[in-house]
Amino acid sequence: MVDKIKIQVINKSNNELPKIETIGSAGLDIRAFIEEDIILQPSKYCLVSTGLYFSIPIGYECQIRSRSGLSLKNGIIVLNSPGTIDSDYRGEIKVLLMNLSDESFTIHNGDRIAQMVFSKYYIPEYQEVDILQNSDRENNGFGSTGKK
């Protein structure tokens, strides 16, 4: 059983509310709400309106992520992925899209442009120490777990 949270929403768009497409999906598709098509040129980015406004419970965030099919087929990504919508933000949800392809891409009203995932977050309680607990990896960084 998957836990649910209540999200207050104002939908000023003419699109349906974001929803999961299959029973096991974590991401809810979010749609563009625009008056005119946006032509996103190669290597450019734009901010796309959704017409959605949320009140997210404290202790949760909404992450905006790229849609895998849109990325694979068209090179369109969420530039700051995952973008975070904080629980105290009440403005319109907008999506920062970038075109990584060599061809222009047209965004129409109602197009599924990204996906949202609601996640619980934790506030750290720091404990300053002089030495960190040992680990197998220690301070080996980028690429250190891929080869021996």
N, C-alpha and C. Protein backbone atom coordinates (compact mmCIF):
# COMPACT_ATOMS: atom_id res chain seq x y z
N MET A 1 0.84 -1.19 0.00
CA MET A 1 0.00 0.00 0.00
C MET A 1 0.88 1.25 0.00
N VAL A 2 0.58 2.19 -0.84
CA VAL A 2 1.33 3.42 -0.96
C VAL A 2 0.66 4.49 -0.09
N ASP A 3 1.48 5.19 0.70
CA ASP A 3 0.94 6.28 1.51
C ASP A 3 0.48 7.43 0.62
N LYS A 4 -0.52 8.15 1.08
CA LYS A 4 -1.03 9.31 0.35
C LYS A 4 -0.89 10.55 1.22
N ILE A 5 -0.71 11.71 0.57
CA ILE A 5 -0.73 12.99 1.27
C ILE A 5 -1.78 13.86 0.59
N LYS A 6 -2.37 14.74 1.36
CA LYS A 6 -3.37 15.65 0.81
C LYS A 6 -2.67 16.93 0.34
N ILE A 7 -2.92 17.28 -0.91
CA ILE A 7 -2.35 18.48 -1.51
C ILE A 7 -3.51 19.40 -1.89
N GLN A 8 -3.54 20.60 -1.31
CA GLN A 8 -4.52 21.59 -1.75
C GLN A 8 -4.03 22.15 -3.08
N VAL A 9 -4.94 22.29 -4.04
CA VAL A 9 -4.54 22.73 -5.37
C VAL A 9 -5.56 23.71 -5.94
N ILE A 10 -5.04 24.72 -6.62
CA ILE A 10 -5.86 25.60 -7.46
C ILE A 10 -5.41 25.30 -8.89
N ASN A 11 -6.37 24.97 -9.74
CA ASN A 11 -6.07 24.67 -11.14
C ASN A 11 -6.68 25.76 -12.01
N LYS A 12 -5.84 26.70 -12.46
CA LYS A 12 -6.29 27.78 -13.34
C LYS A 12 -6.15 27.40 -14.81
N SER A 13 -5.68 26.19 -15.07
CA SER A 13 -5.49 25.75 -16.45
C SER A 13 -6.78 25.11 -16.97
N ASN A 14 -6.75 24.78 -18.25
CA ASN A 14 -7.85 24.02 -18.84
C ASN A 14 -7.46 22.55 -18.98
N ASN A 15 -6.43 22.13 -18.24
CA ASN A 15 -5.95 20.76 -18.26
C ASN A 15 -6.39 20.01 -17.01
N GLU A 16 -6.42 18.70 -17.11
CA GLU A 16 -6.73 17.88 -15.94
C GLU A 16 -5.59 17.98 -14.93
N LEU A 17 -5.88 17.64 -13.69
CA LEU A 17 -4.85 17.63 -12.65
C LEU A 17 -3.81 16.55 -12.95
N PRO A 18 -2.57 16.77 -12.53
CA PRO A 18 -1.53 15.75 -12.73
C PRO A 18 -1.97 14.42 -12.12
N LYS A 19 -1.65 13.34 -12.83
CA LYS A 19 -2.03 12.02 -12.34
C LYS A 19 -0.98 11.01 -12.77
N ILE A 20 -0.98 9.87 -12.08
CA ILE A 20 -0.11 8.78 -12.49
C ILE A 20 -0.77 8.08 -13.68
N GLU A 21 0.05 7.53 -14.55
CA GLU A 21 -0.47 6.86 -15.74
C GLU A 21 -0.61 5.36 -15.54
N THR A 22 0.17 4.78 -14.63
CA THR A 22 0.05 3.36 -14.31
C THR A 22 0.09 3.19 -12.79
N ILE A 23 -0.41 2.08 -12.30
CA ILE A 23 -0.57 1.85 -10.86
C ILE A 23 0.76 1.91 -10.10
N GLY A 24 1.86 1.56 -10.73
CA GLY A 24 3.15 1.56 -10.05
C GLY A 24 3.98 2.81 -10.27
N SER A 25 3.42 3.81 -10.94
CA SER A 25 4.17 5.04 -11.24
C SER A 25 4.34 5.90 -9.99
N ALA A 26 5.53 6.47 -9.83
CA ALA A 26 5.77 7.43 -8.76
C ALA A 26 5.55 8.85 -9.25
N GLY A 27 5.81 9.07 -10.55
CA GLY A 27 5.70 10.40 -11.12
C GLY A 27 4.33 10.68 -11.68
N LEU A 28 3.86 11.89 -11.46
CA LEU A 28 2.58 12.36 -11.99
C LEU A 28 2.89 13.32 -13.13
N ASP A 29 2.32 13.06 -14.30
CA ASP A 29 2.59 13.92 -15.45
C ASP A 29 1.99 15.31 -15.25
N ILE A 30 2.78 16.32 -15.59
CA ILE A 30 2.35 17.71 -15.48
C ILE A 30 2.32 18.31 -16.88
N ARG A 31 1.32 19.14 -17.15
CA ARG A 31 1.07 19.64 -18.51
C ARG A 31 1.32 21.15 -18.63
N ALA A 32 1.68 21.54 -19.84
CA ALA A 32 1.87 22.96 -20.15
C ALA A 32 0.52 23.66 -20.19
N PHE A 33 0.48 24.87 -19.67
CA PHE A 33 -0.69 25.72 -19.78
C PHE A 33 -0.22 27.04 -20.39
N ILE A 34 -0.35 27.12 -21.72
CA ILE A 34 0.17 28.27 -22.46
C ILE A 34 -0.87 28.73 -23.47
N GLU A 35 -0.89 30.04 -23.73
CA GLU A 35 -1.84 30.60 -24.69
C GLU A 35 -1.38 30.37 -26.12
N GLU A 36 -0.06 30.44 -26.34
CA GLU A 36 0.50 30.24 -27.67
C GLU A 36 1.58 29.18 -27.58
N ASP A 37 1.78 28.45 -28.68
CA ASP A 37 2.85 27.46 -28.72
C ASP A 37 4.19 28.12 -28.40
N ILE A 38 5.06 27.36 -27.78
CA ILE A 38 6.43 27.80 -27.53
C ILE A 38 7.34 26.97 -28.42
N ILE A 39 8.16 27.62 -29.21
CA ILE A 39 9.15 26.91 -30.03
C ILE A 39 10.48 27.02 -29.30
N LEU A 40 10.90 25.89 -28.77
CA LEU A 40 12.14 25.83 -27.99
C LEU A 40 13.28 25.45 -28.93
N GLN A 41 14.15 26.40 -29.16
CA GLN A 41 15.25 26.21 -30.10
C GLN A 41 16.35 25.34 -29.47
N PRO A 42 17.20 24.71 -30.30
CA PRO A 42 18.31 23.91 -29.78
C PRO A 42 19.20 24.71 -28.84
N SER A 43 19.62 24.06 -27.76
CA SER A 43 20.52 24.65 -26.76
C SER A 43 19.91 25.83 -26.01
N LYS A 44 18.60 26.02 -26.09
CA LYS A 44 17.92 27.10 -25.38
C LYS A 44 17.02 26.51 -24.30
N TYR A 45 16.59 27.38 -23.38
CA TYR A 45 15.69 26.96 -22.32
C TYR A 45 14.58 27.97 -22.16
N CYS A 46 13.49 27.54 -21.52
CA CYS A 46 12.36 28.43 -21.28
C CYS A 46 11.60 27.97 -20.05
N LEU A 47 10.85 28.88 -19.48
CA LEU A 47 10.01 28.61 -18.33
C LEU A 47 8.58 28.42 -18.82
N VAL A 48 7.99 27.26 -18.50
CA VAL A 48 6.67 26.91 -19.02
C VAL A 48 5.65 26.90 -17.88
N SER A 49 4.57 27.64 -18.07
CA SER A 49 3.51 27.71 -17.07
C SER A 49 2.69 26.43 -17.05
N THR A 50 2.11 26.14 -15.87
CA THR A 50 1.23 24.98 -15.73
C THR A 50 -0.18 25.37 -15.29
N GLY A 51 -0.33 26.57 -14.72
CA GLY A 51 -1.64 26.98 -14.20
C GLY A 51 -1.98 26.34 -12.88
N LEU A 52 -1.03 25.65 -12.27
CA LEU A 52 -1.26 24.95 -10.99
C LEU A 52 -0.60 25.70 -9.84
N TYR A 53 -1.30 25.70 -8.71
CA TYR A 53 -0.81 26.30 -7.47
C TYR A 53 -1.06 25.28 -6.37
N PHE A 54 -0.04 24.99 -5.56
CA PHE A 54 -0.15 23.96 -4.54
C PHE A 54 0.05 24.52 -3.15
N SER A 55 -0.55 23.85 -2.19
CA SER A 55 -0.20 23.99 -0.78
C SER A 55 0.25 22.60 -0.34
N ILE A 56 1.56 22.45 -0.17
CA ILE A 56 2.16 21.16 0.15
C ILE A 56 2.38 21.10 1.66
N PRO A 57 2.04 20.01 2.31
CA PRO A 57 2.24 19.92 3.76
C PRO A 57 3.71 20.09 4.14
N ILE A 58 3.94 20.72 5.28
CA ILE A 58 5.30 20.85 5.81
C ILE A 58 5.87 19.45 6.01
N GLY A 59 7.14 19.29 5.66
CA GLY A 59 7.79 17.99 5.75
C GLY A 59 7.81 17.27 4.41
N TYR A 60 7.20 17.87 3.38
CA TYR A 60 7.18 17.30 2.04
C TYR A 60 7.64 18.34 1.02
N GLU A 61 8.10 17.86 -0.10
CA GLU A 61 8.45 18.70 -1.23
C GLU A 61 7.84 18.06 -2.47
N CYS A 62 7.76 18.84 -3.53
CA CYS A 62 7.36 18.32 -4.83
C CYS A 62 8.56 18.47 -5.74
N GLN A 63 9.05 17.36 -6.28
CA GLN A 63 10.18 17.39 -7.19
C GLN A 63 9.67 17.37 -8.63
N ILE A 64 10.21 18.25 -9.46
CA ILE A 64 9.87 18.30 -10.88
C ILE A 64 11.02 17.65 -11.63
N ARG A 65 10.70 16.63 -12.42
CA ARG A 65 11.71 15.84 -13.12
C ARG A 65 11.40 15.73 -14.60
N SER A 66 12.43 15.39 -15.36
CA SER A 66 12.25 15.16 -16.80
C SER A 66 11.39 13.93 -17.03
N ARG A 67 10.65 13.94 -18.13
CA ARG A 67 9.94 12.75 -18.59
C ARG A 67 10.91 11.97 -19.46
N SER A 68 11.09 10.70 -19.17
CA SER A 68 12.11 9.90 -19.87
C SER A 68 11.86 9.83 -21.37
N GLY A 69 10.63 9.65 -21.80
CA GLY A 69 10.33 9.56 -23.23
C GLY A 69 10.61 10.87 -23.96
N LEU A 70 10.27 11.99 -23.34
CA LEU A 70 10.52 13.31 -23.93
C LEU A 70 12.03 13.55 -24.04
N SER A 71 12.76 13.10 -23.06
CA SER A 71 14.22 13.25 -23.08
C SER A 71 14.84 12.37 -24.16
N LEU A 72 14.44 11.11 -24.21
CA LEU A 72 15.01 10.17 -25.17
C LEU A 72 14.66 10.53 -26.61
N LYS A 73 13.39 10.82 -26.86
CA LYS A 73 12.93 11.04 -28.23
C LYS A 73 13.23 12.44 -28.75
N ASN A 74 13.25 13.45 -27.85
CA ASN A 74 13.36 14.83 -28.31
C ASN A 74 14.49 15.64 -27.67
N GLY A 75 15.18 15.07 -26.69
CA GLY A 75 16.26 15.81 -26.04
C GLY A 75 15.78 16.93 -25.13
N ILE A 76 14.54 16.85 -24.66
CA ILE A 76 13.96 17.88 -23.79
C ILE A 76 14.09 17.43 -22.34
N ILE A 77 14.74 18.26 -21.52
CA ILE A 77 14.94 17.92 -20.11
C ILE A 77 14.47 19.06 -19.21
N VAL A 78 14.23 18.74 -17.95
CA VAL A 78 14.03 19.75 -16.93
C VAL A 78 15.43 20.19 -16.53
N LEU A 79 15.73 21.47 -16.76
CA LEU A 79 17.10 21.97 -16.62
C LEU A 79 17.63 21.84 -15.20
N ASN A 80 16.85 22.15 -14.22
CA ASN A 80 17.30 22.08 -12.83
C ASN A 80 16.79 20.81 -12.14
N SER A 81 16.78 19.72 -12.89
CA SER A 81 16.18 18.48 -12.41
C SER A 81 17.00 17.81 -11.31
N PRO A 82 16.38 17.38 -10.22
CA PRO A 82 14.98 17.67 -9.94
C PRO A 82 14.81 19.06 -9.35
N GLY A 83 13.87 19.79 -9.89
CA GLY A 83 13.51 21.08 -9.31
C GLY A 83 12.66 20.84 -8.07
N THR A 84 12.85 21.64 -7.06
CA THR A 84 12.11 21.47 -5.80
C THR A 84 11.08 22.56 -5.62
N ILE A 85 9.86 22.16 -5.32
CA ILE A 85 8.81 23.08 -4.90
C ILE A 85 8.66 22.89 -3.40
N ASP A 86 9.01 23.92 -2.66
CA ASP A 86 8.97 23.86 -1.20
C ASP A 86 7.55 23.99 -0.66
N SER A 87 7.35 23.51 0.55
CA SER A 87 6.01 23.50 1.15
C SER A 87 5.49 24.91 1.44
N ASP A 88 6.35 25.92 1.51
CA ASP A 88 5.87 27.27 1.79
C ASP A 88 5.71 28.12 0.53
N TYR A 89 5.91 27.54 -0.64
CA TYR A 89 5.74 28.28 -1.90
C TYR A 89 4.27 28.21 -2.33
N ARG A 90 3.70 29.35 -2.70
CA ARG A 90 2.29 29.40 -3.10
C ARG A 90 2.09 29.95 -4.50
N GLY A 91 3.16 30.22 -5.23
CA GLY A 91 3.03 30.73 -6.58
C GLY A 91 2.72 29.64 -7.58
N GLU A 92 2.60 30.04 -8.83
CA GLU A 92 2.32 29.08 -9.90
C GLU A 92 3.51 28.14 -10.09
N ILE A 93 3.19 26.88 -10.32
CA ILE A 93 4.21 25.89 -10.63
C ILE A 93 4.62 26.10 -12.08
N LYS A 94 5.91 26.35 -12.29
CA LYS A 94 6.45 26.51 -13.64
C LYS A 94 7.59 25.52 -13.82
N VAL A 95 7.82 25.13 -15.06
CA VAL A 95 8.82 24.10 -15.37
C VAL A 95 9.87 24.71 -16.28
N LEU A 96 11.14 24.56 -15.89
CA LEU A 96 12.27 25.06 -16.66
C LEU A 96 12.75 23.96 -17.60
N LEU A 97 12.40 24.10 -18.88
CA LEU A 97 12.75 23.08 -19.87
C LEU A 97 13.93 23.55 -20.72
N MET A 98 14.77 22.58 -21.14
CA MET A 98 15.88 22.87 -22.04
C MET A 98 15.88 21.88 -23.18
N ASN A 99 16.25 22.37 -24.35
CA ASN A 99 16.33 21.56 -25.55
C ASN A 99 17.79 21.19 -25.81
N LEU A 100 18.15 19.94 -25.57
CA LEU A 100 19.52 19.47 -25.80
C LEU A 100 19.72 18.92 -27.20
N SER A 101 18.67 18.91 -28.02
CA SER A 101 18.76 18.33 -29.36
C SER A 101 19.28 19.37 -30.36
N ASP A 102 19.40 18.94 -31.61
CA ASP A 102 19.83 19.83 -32.70
C ASP A 102 18.64 20.39 -33.47
N GLU A 103 17.42 20.07 -33.03
CA GLU A 103 16.23 20.52 -33.74
C GLU A 103 15.32 21.30 -32.80
N SER A 104 14.56 22.23 -33.35
CA SER A 104 13.60 22.97 -32.53
C SER A 104 12.49 22.03 -32.08
N PHE A 105 11.87 22.36 -30.97
CA PHE A 105 10.81 21.54 -30.40
C PHE A 105 9.64 22.46 -30.04
N THR A 106 8.45 22.08 -30.45
CA THR A 106 7.27 22.90 -30.20
C THR A 106 6.49 22.35 -29.01
N ILE A 107 6.20 23.24 -28.06
CA ILE A 107 5.39 22.90 -26.88
C ILE A 107 4.00 23.48 -27.10
N HIS A 108 2.99 22.62 -26.99
CA HIS A 108 1.60 23.02 -27.16
C HIS A 108 0.90 23.03 -25.80
N ASN A 109 -0.17 23.79 -25.70
CA ASN A 109 -0.99 23.74 -24.49
C ASN A 109 -1.46 22.30 -24.27
N GLY A 110 -1.33 21.82 -23.04
CA GLY A 110 -1.79 20.48 -22.70
C GLY A 110 -0.74 19.40 -22.86
N ASP A 111 0.40 19.73 -23.48
CA ASP A 111 1.47 18.73 -23.61
C ASP A 111 2.00 18.33 -22.25
N ARG A 112 2.28 17.03 -22.09
CA ARG A 112 2.92 16.55 -20.87
C ARG A 112 4.40 16.91 -20.97
N ILE A 113 4.85 17.80 -20.08
CA ILE A 113 6.20 18.37 -20.21
C ILE A 113 7.17 17.89 -19.14
N ALA A 114 6.66 17.36 -18.05
CA ALA A 114 7.52 16.93 -16.95
C ALA A 114 6.71 15.99 -16.06
N GLN A 115 7.36 15.52 -15.01
CA GLN A 115 6.63 14.72 -14.02
C GLN A 115 6.96 15.24 -12.63
N MET A 116 6.02 15.02 -11.73
CA MET A 116 6.18 15.46 -10.35
C MET A 116 6.23 14.23 -9.44
N VAL A 117 7.07 14.31 -8.42
CA VAL A 117 7.13 13.28 -7.40
C VAL A 117 7.11 13.99 -6.05
N PHE A 118 6.20 13.60 -5.19
CA PHE A 118 6.13 14.17 -3.84
C PHE A 118 6.99 13.32 -2.92
N SER A 119 7.83 13.98 -2.14
CA SER A 119 8.77 13.27 -1.27
C SER A 119 8.82 13.90 0.11
N LYS A 120 8.98 13.04 1.09
CA LYS A 120 9.21 13.49 2.45
C LYS A 120 10.67 13.91 2.55
N TYR A 121 10.94 14.96 3.30
CA TYR A 121 12.32 15.38 3.49
C TYR A 121 12.62 15.48 4.98
N TYR A 122 13.89 15.56 5.30
CA TYR A 122 14.35 15.61 6.68
C TYR A 122 15.23 16.83 6.88
N ILE A 123 15.11 17.45 8.01
CA ILE A 123 15.96 18.57 8.39
C ILE A 123 17.14 18.00 9.17
N PRO A 124 18.37 18.28 8.73
CA PRO A 124 19.52 17.69 9.44
C PRO A 124 19.72 18.31 10.81
N GLU A 125 20.11 17.48 11.72
CA GLU A 125 20.57 17.94 13.03
C GLU A 125 22.05 17.60 13.07
N TYR A 126 22.89 18.62 12.88
CA TYR A 126 24.33 18.38 12.75
C TYR A 126 24.96 18.03 14.09
N GLN A 127 25.91 17.15 14.01
CA GLN A 127 26.73 16.78 15.16
C GLN A 127 28.18 16.95 14.70
N GLU A 128 28.80 18.04 15.13
CA GLU A 128 30.17 18.29 14.72
C GLU A 128 31.12 17.34 15.45
N VAL A 129 32.03 16.74 14.67
CA VAL A 129 33.00 15.78 15.20
C VAL A 129 34.38 16.10 14.61
N ASP A 130 35.41 15.49 15.15
CA ASP A 130 36.77 15.67 14.63
C ASP A 130 37.12 14.63 13.59
N ILE A 131 36.52 13.43 13.68
CA ILE A 131 36.81 12.33 12.77
C ILE A 131 35.49 11.68 12.38
N LEU A 132 35.35 11.36 11.07
CA LEU A 132 34.15 10.67 10.61
C LEU A 132 34.33 9.17 10.72
N GLN A 133 33.23 8.48 10.87
CA GLN A 133 33.22 7.02 10.92
C GLN A 133 33.81 6.47 9.62
N ASN A 134 34.63 5.41 9.70
CA ASN A 134 35.25 4.80 8.52
C ASN A 134 34.19 4.15 7.64
N SER A 135 34.52 4.04 6.33
CA SER A 135 33.69 3.32 5.37
C SER A 135 34.61 2.62 4.38
N ASP A 136 34.06 1.66 3.63
CA ASP A 136 34.86 0.97 2.62
C ASP A 136 35.33 1.93 1.52
N ARG A 137 34.52 2.89 1.20
CA ARG A 137 34.83 3.82 0.11
C ARG A 137 35.79 4.92 0.55
N GLU A 138 35.71 5.33 1.80
CA GLU A 138 36.52 6.43 2.34
C GLU A 138 36.31 7.70 1.50
N ASN A 139 37.37 8.33 1.01
CA ASN A 139 37.23 9.60 0.29
C ASN A 139 37.40 9.44 -1.22
N ASN A 140 37.25 8.22 -1.74
CA ASN A 140 37.32 7.98 -3.17
C ASN A 140 36.06 8.54 -3.83
N GLY A 141 36.24 9.44 -4.77
CA GLY A 141 35.10 10.19 -5.33
C GLY A 141 34.60 9.68 -6.66
N PHE A 142 34.41 10.59 -7.59
CA PHE A 142 33.79 10.33 -8.88
C PHE A 142 34.38 9.12 -9.57
N GLY A 143 33.52 8.17 -9.93
CA GLY A 143 33.94 6.99 -10.68
C GLY A 143 34.63 5.92 -9.86
N SER A 144 34.73 6.11 -8.57
CA SER A 144 35.52 5.17 -7.76
C SER A 144 34.80 3.85 -7.49
N THR A 145 33.49 3.79 -7.70
CA THR A 145 32.78 2.53 -7.43
C THR A 145 32.56 1.72 -8.70
N GLY A 146 32.93 2.25 -9.87
CA GLY A 146 32.65 1.56 -11.13
C GLY A 146 33.68 0.54 -11.56
N LYS A 147 34.95 0.68 -11.16
CA LYS A 147 36.00 -0.23 -11.60
C LYS A 147 36.89 -0.60 -10.43
N LYS A 148 37.53 -1.74 -10.55
CA LYS A 148 38.46 -2.16 -9.51
C LYS A 148 39.85 -2.20 -10.06
